[in-house]
Protein backbone atom coordinates (compact mmCIF):
# COMPACT_ATOMS: atom_id res chain seq x y z
CA GLN A 1 9.85 -44.38 -39.17
CA LEU A 2 12.12 -46.35 -36.92
CA GLN A 3 15.61 -47.03 -38.22
CA LEU A 4 18.11 -49.41 -36.66
CA VAL A 5 21.87 -49.35 -37.06
CA GLU A 6 24.10 -52.11 -35.71
CA SER A 7 27.74 -51.61 -34.82
CA GLY A 8 30.49 -53.21 -32.80
CA GLY A 9 31.28 -56.22 -34.94
CA GLY A 10 34.76 -57.14 -36.04
CA LEU A 11 37.47 -59.76 -35.95
CA VAL A 12 38.14 -61.33 -32.57
CA GLN A 13 40.20 -64.29 -31.41
CA PRO A 14 38.52 -67.34 -29.87
CA GLY A 15 37.75 -66.67 -26.22
CA GLY A 16 37.41 -62.95 -26.79
CA SER A 17 34.47 -60.62 -26.28
CA LEU A 18 32.52 -58.10 -28.28
CA ARG A 19 29.65 -55.79 -27.46
CA LEU A 20 27.26 -55.13 -30.30
CA SER A 21 25.09 -52.03 -30.34
CA CYS A 22 21.73 -51.47 -31.98
CA ALA A 23 21.05 -47.75 -32.16
CA GLY A 24 17.58 -46.53 -32.91
CA SER A 25 16.43 -43.31 -34.56
CA GLY A 26 13.02 -41.99 -35.45
CA SER A 27 11.37 -43.54 -32.41
CA ALA A 28 12.19 -44.73 -28.91
CA LEU A 29 13.32 -48.34 -28.76
CA HIS A 30 11.58 -49.02 -25.48
CA TYR A 31 8.25 -48.98 -27.35
CA TYR A 32 9.36 -52.10 -29.25
CA ALA A 33 10.50 -55.62 -28.64
CA ILE A 34 14.14 -55.65 -29.76
CA ALA A 35 15.74 -58.93 -30.76
CA TRP A 36 19.15 -60.02 -31.95
CA PHE A 37 19.50 -62.59 -34.70
CA ARG A 38 22.51 -63.94 -36.48
CA GLN A 39 23.13 -65.66 -39.79
CA ALA A 40 26.15 -67.75 -40.67
CA PRO A 41 27.09 -68.36 -44.31
CA GLY A 42 24.84 -71.01 -45.81
CA LYS A 43 22.64 -71.21 -42.72
CA GLU A 44 19.27 -69.87 -41.73
CA ARG A 45 18.87 -66.78 -39.61
CA GLU A 46 19.03 -67.81 -35.96
CA GLU A 47 17.43 -66.02 -33.05
CA ILE A 48 19.63 -65.14 -30.07
CA SER A 49 17.73 -63.08 -27.55
CA CYS A 50 15.09 -60.41 -27.13
CA ILE A 51 13.95 -57.73 -24.72
CA SER A 52 10.30 -56.77 -24.76
CA SER A 53 8.97 -53.23 -24.73
CA SER A 54 8.82 -51.37 -21.44
CA GLU A 55 5.02 -51.45 -21.68
CA ARG A 56 5.21 -55.26 -21.78
CA GLY A 57 7.42 -55.28 -18.75
CA SER A 58 10.87 -55.33 -20.34
CA TYR A 59 11.12 -59.09 -19.94
CA TYR A 60 14.10 -60.88 -21.38
CA ASP A 61 13.54 -63.81 -23.66
CA PRO A 62 16.74 -65.74 -24.32
CA PHE A 63 15.72 -67.76 -27.33
CA TYR A 64 19.00 -69.64 -27.45
CA SER A 65 18.24 -72.04 -30.22
CA THR A 66 21.56 -73.65 -29.39
CA SER A 67 22.60 -74.39 -25.83
CA SER A 68 26.12 -73.18 -26.57
CA LEU A 69 24.85 -69.59 -26.26
CA ARG A 70 23.63 -69.89 -22.69
CA GLY A 71 25.64 -67.90 -20.21
CA ARG A 72 27.74 -66.26 -22.91
CA PHE A 73 25.39 -63.75 -24.57
CA THR A 74 23.46 -61.06 -22.71
CA ILE A 75 21.00 -58.49 -24.02
CA SER A 76 20.42 -55.11 -22.39
CA ARG A 77 18.79 -51.77 -23.17
CA ASP A 78 19.86 -48.20 -22.42
CA SER A 79 16.82 -46.02 -22.97
CA ASP A 80 18.79 -42.79 -22.48
CA GLN A 81 21.05 -43.78 -25.39
CA ASN A 82 18.14 -45.34 -27.32
CA THR A 83 20.36 -48.36 -27.83
CA VAL A 84 20.12 -52.10 -27.21
CA TYR A 85 23.29 -54.05 -26.64
CA LEU A 86 24.39 -57.65 -27.04
CA GLN A 87 27.34 -58.55 -24.87
CA MET A 88 29.11 -61.61 -26.25
CA ASN A 89 31.74 -63.40 -24.21
CA SER A 90 33.88 -66.50 -24.76
CA LEU A 91 33.39 -66.22 -28.49
CA GLN A 92 34.04 -69.27 -30.63
CA PRO A 93 34.57 -69.72 -34.39
CA GLU A 94 31.02 -71.05 -34.70
CA ASP A 95 29.76 -67.64 -33.53
CA THR A 96 30.96 -66.15 -36.80
CA GLY A 97 28.18 -64.56 -38.79
CA LEU A 98 26.21 -61.46 -39.63
CA TYR A 99 24.40 -60.15 -36.58
CA TYR A 100 21.14 -58.25 -36.94
CA CYS A 101 18.87 -56.39 -34.57
CA ALA A 102 15.17 -56.17 -35.23
CA ALA A 103 12.22 -54.31 -33.72
CA GLY A 104 8.71 -55.63 -33.24
CA ALA A 105 5.85 -53.17 -32.92
CA THR A 106 3.71 -55.51 -30.81
CA GLY A 107 6.21 -55.13 -28.00
CA ASP A 108 6.27 -58.86 -27.29
CA CYS A 109 9.19 -61.13 -28.02
CA SER A 110 8.95 -64.00 -30.45
CA ALA A 111 11.46 -66.28 -32.10
CA SER A 112 9.68 -65.81 -35.42
CA THR A 113 11.19 -63.29 -37.79
CA THR A 114 7.67 -62.31 -38.87
CA ASN A 115 7.20 -60.68 -35.45
CA TYR A 116 9.72 -57.99 -36.36
CA HIS A 117 8.88 -55.11 -38.65
CA TYR A 118 12.16 -53.21 -38.70
CA TRP A 119 15.61 -54.59 -39.34
CA GLY A 120 19.10 -53.19 -39.36
CA GLN A 121 21.63 -54.03 -42.07
CA GLY A 122 23.74 -56.15 -39.77
CA THR A 123 27.25 -56.12 -38.39
CA GLN A 124 29.80 -58.82 -39.19
CA VAL A 125 31.38 -60.84 -36.41
CA THR A 126 34.33 -63.05 -37.28
CA VAL A 127 35.94 -65.26 -34.66
CA SER A 128 39.25 -66.62 -35.82
CA SER A 129 42.80 -67.04 -34.67
């Protein structure tokens, strides 16, 4: 059974950067589509980006439900480490939230949460001066 553990969150000042990690165990992450979502207090879970399985061609799908994410957030995968990363630059207070990674067994990316069968417990990101 695949298990996902996020790490790398914390408190950062506006304009700062963080790199979140999603470490997999029990199975190789490259068999799955791996997506990052976030949820701010009182708001719905929001998709950020996804990388498909290697079998599907490892395409990147930047969902970017808000244009403010474009050019600031980047997803990547290190198969040797069995980890998917989310590099976040130029962080702003509105980026504050609980960040989750999720794995989809179909291997294809989708903005729908129902596409993803495995979820981590999340890592908190707080952007504040």
